[in-house]
Amino acid sequence: MMDTPVFALSEENIKKISGLLARGKVMILPASTIYGISCIIDDAKAIKRIFDIKKRKETKPFIVLISNTSQLDCVIKRPDDTRGAFIKALWQKDEPDQVTLILDRAENISSYLSAGSDKIAVRMEKDKTLRKIIDITGPVVSTSATVSGSNVVPKDIKDIPEKIKQSVDAVVESKKELEGLPSTILDFQENRPLLIREGMVKLLDILEKVKID
């Protein structure tokens, strides 16, 4: 039986959940795609715990979730026109597309978070309640709530290994079923998007939305 505290993802719990994250707690959060293990991005001790909980090599970086594009200022270097066009088309709307963009890491962000890379993977969260939490805490780390290398897709609390649920400080449960598909990941090479992983959003649909020269 799980004795880790469980909170519903609700308006009533926003302050409680954001307060725990702000104090460096490691939590399971329901992103709109799947359940992930999360902490704030500037707590190296908490990030190290996530690597340990997942049994993940520290050479494999995490995704960073943001709640609004103004938070990019503290995560990435100023994007050029091409990357800016993708950010605007995919994220600057009421329901952001679940597309992860690999962008140039800001110098103030520890390379530990990006596994030594000068780039960082960023996604705008779609769930409005979770965005309100990230509005308070600032950007958070996100990685699937599974043991590294597992094929399990944690779209439900029951899909998360019991050992992982026991290893975190709290679990936040969504009232709705998660989409269960990973985000699409795009990198950029010579100012053109390079598809790293195709998830719920198809590359052709993305290119139709983004107008670049």
Protein backbone atom coordinates (compact mmCIF):
# COMPACT_ATOMS: atom_id res chain seq x y z
CA MET A 1 0.00 0.00 0.00
CA MET A 2 1.38 3.39 -0.98
CA ASP A 3 2.03 5.67 2.00
CA THR A 4 3.45 8.55 -0.04
CA PRO A 5 1.10 11.57 0.22
CA VAL A 6 -1.29 11.86 -2.73
CA PHE A 7 -2.88 15.15 -3.82
CA ALA A 8 -5.42 15.78 -6.54
CA LEU A 9 -4.40 18.15 -9.29
CA SER A 10 -6.95 20.82 -8.44
CA GLU A 11 -7.28 24.55 -7.93
CA GLU A 12 -7.56 23.97 -4.17
CA ASN A 13 -4.16 22.24 -4.05
CA ILE A 14 -2.16 24.66 -6.21
CA LYS A 15 -0.49 26.42 -3.27
CA LYS A 16 0.24 23.17 -1.45
CA ILE A 17 1.80 21.49 -4.49
CA SER A 18 3.80 24.54 -5.57
CA GLY A 19 5.00 25.03 -2.00
CA LEU A 20 6.38 21.49 -1.84
CA LEU A 21 8.15 21.87 -5.16
CA ALA A 22 9.60 25.22 -4.13
CA ARG A 23 11.10 23.55 -1.04
CA GLY A 24 13.03 21.11 -3.20
CA LYS A 25 10.68 18.15 -3.01
CA VAL A 26 10.64 15.49 -5.73
CA MET A 27 7.11 14.75 -6.91
CA ILE A 28 5.15 12.80 -9.49
CA LEU A 29 3.17 15.25 -11.61
CA PRO A 30 0.57 14.55 -14.31
CA ALA A 31 1.73 16.39 -17.38
CA SER A 32 -0.90 16.29 -20.13
CA THR A 33 1.05 13.51 -21.87
CA ILE A 34 2.08 11.08 -19.10
CA TYR A 35 2.95 11.05 -15.40
CA GLY A 36 6.44 12.37 -14.79
CA ILE A 37 8.91 12.77 -11.94
CA SER A 38 9.56 16.45 -11.33
CA CYS A 39 11.41 19.02 -9.24
CA ILE A 40 12.40 22.65 -9.69
CA ILE A 41 15.24 23.19 -12.15
CA ASP A 42 17.68 24.95 -9.81
CA ASP A 43 17.94 22.26 -7.10
CA ALA A 44 20.87 19.97 -7.98
CA LYS A 45 20.19 17.70 -5.00
CA ALA A 46 16.60 17.09 -6.12
CA ILE A 47 17.72 16.49 -9.72
CA LYS A 48 20.28 13.95 -8.48
CA ARG A 49 17.48 12.17 -6.61
CA ILE A 50 15.48 11.85 -9.83
CA PHE A 51 18.45 10.29 -11.62
CA ASP A 52 18.75 7.81 -8.74
CA ILE A 53 15.01 7.05 -8.55
CA LYS A 54 14.85 6.30 -12.28
CA LYS A 55 18.22 4.51 -12.32
CA ARG A 56 19.00 6.83 -15.20
CA LYS A 57 22.47 7.60 -16.50
CA GLU A 58 23.50 11.17 -15.81
CA THR A 59 24.50 11.49 -19.46
CA LYS A 60 20.80 11.50 -20.42
CA PRO A 61 19.19 14.94 -19.95
CA PHE A 62 15.68 15.76 -18.81
CA ILE A 63 12.92 17.87 -20.33
CA VAL A 64 12.04 21.20 -18.72
CA LEU A 65 8.38 22.23 -18.44
CA ILE A 66 7.41 25.89 -18.56
CA SER A 67 4.04 27.57 -18.08
CA ASN A 68 4.50 30.66 -20.25
CA THR A 69 7.01 31.90 -22.80
CA SER A 70 8.37 34.58 -20.46
CA GLN A 71 9.96 31.76 -18.45
CA LEU A 72 12.16 31.00 -21.44
CA ASP A 73 14.26 34.05 -20.55
CA CYS A 74 15.84 32.16 -17.65
CA VAL A 75 16.17 28.82 -19.46
CA ILE A 76 17.43 29.48 -23.00
CA LYS A 77 19.45 32.00 -24.94
CA ARG A 78 17.46 34.45 -27.03
CA PRO A 79 16.04 32.42 -29.93
CA ASP A 80 16.62 33.42 -33.53
CA ASP A 81 13.75 34.12 -35.92
CA THR A 82 13.30 30.49 -36.92
CA ARG A 83 13.12 29.12 -33.40
CA GLY A 84 11.02 32.10 -32.37
CA ALA A 85 8.50 31.24 -35.09
CA PHE A 86 8.14 27.71 -33.71
CA ILE A 87 7.76 28.99 -30.15
CA LYS A 88 5.06 31.44 -31.19
CA ALA A 89 3.10 29.02 -33.38
CA LEU A 90 3.24 26.04 -31.03
CA TRP A 91 3.12 27.54 -27.55
CA GLN A 92 1.65 31.03 -27.54
CA LYS A 93 -1.99 29.97 -27.35
CA ASP A 94 -4.57 28.72 -24.87
CA GLU A 95 -3.73 25.04 -25.43
CA PRO A 96 -0.05 24.73 -26.35
CA ASP A 97 0.91 21.90 -28.68
CA GLN A 98 2.79 19.18 -26.85
CA VAL A 99 5.99 19.63 -28.80
CA THR A 100 9.38 19.66 -27.08
CA LEU A 101 11.94 22.00 -28.63
CA ILE A 102 15.67 21.52 -28.12
CA LEU A 103 17.07 25.03 -27.75
CA ASP A 104 20.33 26.73 -26.69
CA ARG A 105 20.75 26.51 -22.91
CA ALA A 106 21.10 29.79 -21.00
CA GLU A 107 24.46 30.21 -19.29
CA ASN A 108 22.83 30.51 -15.86
CA ILE A 109 21.32 27.02 -16.15
CA SER A 110 23.55 24.30 -14.75
CA SER A 111 24.97 21.93 -17.35
CA TYR A 112 24.12 19.14 -14.88
CA LEU A 113 20.46 19.54 -15.86
CA SER A 114 21.29 19.14 -19.55
CA ALA A 115 23.80 16.31 -19.02
CA GLY A 116 26.65 18.59 -20.08
CA SER A 117 25.04 19.69 -23.34
CA ASP A 118 24.87 23.34 -24.36
CA LYS A 119 21.29 22.66 -25.44
CA ILE A 120 18.19 22.01 -23.35
CA ALA A 121 14.84 20.37 -24.12
CA VAL A 122 11.84 22.57 -23.25
CA ARG A 123 8.09 22.09 -23.48
CA MET A 124 5.15 24.32 -22.65
CA GLU A 125 2.72 22.38 -20.47
CA LYS A 126 -0.87 22.19 -21.75
CA ASP A 127 -2.79 21.44 -18.55
CA LYS A 128 -4.00 24.77 -17.17
CA THR A 129 -3.86 23.77 -13.49
CA LEU A 130 -0.33 22.45 -13.78
CA ARG A 131 0.63 25.65 -15.60
CA LYS A 132 -0.63 27.67 -12.62
CA ILE A 133 1.66 25.63 -10.37
CA ILE A 134 4.64 26.24 -12.65
CA ASP A 135 3.72 29.95 -12.76
CA ILE A 136 4.53 29.95 -9.03
CA THR A 137 7.54 27.62 -8.91
CA GLY A 138 9.19 28.53 -12.17
CA PRO A 139 10.28 25.87 -14.69
CA VAL A 140 10.39 22.26 -13.51
CA VAL A 141 12.22 19.12 -14.57
CA SER A 142 10.10 16.37 -16.10
CA THR A 143 10.92 12.75 -16.95
CA SER A 144 8.63 9.75 -17.26
CA ALA A 145 7.64 8.13 -13.95
CA THR A 146 9.23 4.81 -14.87
CA VAL A 147 12.55 3.07 -14.43
CA SER A 148 14.94 4.10 -17.19
CA GLY A 149 14.67 1.79 -20.18
CA SER A 150 11.16 0.61 -19.35
CA ASN A 151 8.54 0.36 -22.09
CA VAL A 152 5.72 1.22 -19.68
CA VAL A 153 3.75 4.37 -20.56
CA PRO A 154 2.55 5.85 -17.24
CA LYS A 155 -0.73 7.45 -18.25
CA ASP A 156 -2.41 6.23 -15.06
CA ILE A 157 -1.24 6.13 -11.44
CA LYS A 158 -1.42 2.33 -11.49
CA ASP A 159 1.13 2.26 -14.33
CA ILE A 160 3.82 3.81 -12.13
CA PRO A 161 6.08 1.24 -10.41
CA GLU A 162 5.41 1.05 -6.68
CA LYS A 163 9.11 1.53 -5.93
CA ILE A 164 9.06 4.88 -7.72
CA LYS A 165 5.92 6.02 -5.90
CA GLN A 166 7.55 5.14 -2.59
CA SER A 167 10.75 7.01 -3.51
CA VAL A 168 9.21 10.44 -4.15
CA ASP A 169 7.93 12.96 -1.61
CA ALA A 170 4.39 13.23 -3.01
CA VAL A 171 2.19 12.10 -5.87
CA VAL A 172 -0.18 14.45 -7.69
CA GLU A 173 -3.05 12.65 -9.41
CA SER A 174 -5.02 13.97 -12.35
CA LYS A 175 -8.80 13.80 -12.32
CA LYS A 176 -8.76 12.96 -16.01
CA GLU A 177 -7.05 10.32 -18.09
CA LEU A 178 -3.76 11.46 -19.56
CA GLU A 179 -3.16 11.31 -23.30
CA GLY A 180 -0.57 8.54 -22.99
CA LEU A 181 1.58 9.59 -25.95
CA PRO A 182 4.95 11.28 -25.54
CA SER A 183 5.57 14.75 -26.88
CA THR A 184 7.07 15.24 -30.31
CA ILE A 185 10.71 16.37 -30.04
CA LEU A 186 12.33 18.75 -32.52
CA ASP A 187 15.95 19.86 -32.69
CA PHE A 188 17.28 22.40 -35.18
CA GLN A 189 20.03 22.01 -37.75
CA GLU A 190 20.89 24.86 -40.09
CA ASN A 191 17.70 26.64 -39.00
CA ARG A 192 15.48 23.75 -40.01
CA PRO A 193 13.65 21.42 -37.61
CA LEU A 194 15.11 17.95 -37.18
CA LEU A 195 12.63 15.35 -35.95
CA ILE A 196 14.06 13.47 -32.98
CA ARG A 197 10.84 11.76 -31.90
CA GLU A 198 7.35 11.90 -33.35
CA GLY A 199 4.69 11.77 -30.67
CA MET A 200 1.10 12.96 -30.52
CA VAL A 201 1.75 15.94 -32.83
CA LYS A 202 2.81 15.00 -36.35
CA LEU A 203 5.68 16.80 -38.04
CA LEU A 204 3.62 17.70 -41.11
CA ASP A 205 0.98 19.31 -38.88
CA ILE A 206 3.69 21.34 -37.16
CA LEU A 207 5.16 22.57 -40.42
CA GLU A 208 1.72 23.68 -41.58
CA LYS A 209 1.39 25.87 -38.47
CA VAL A 210 4.87 27.40 -38.59
CA LYS A 211 5.64 29.88 -41.33
CA ILE A 212 9.37 30.21 -41.95
CA ASP A 213 11.35 31.41 -44.95
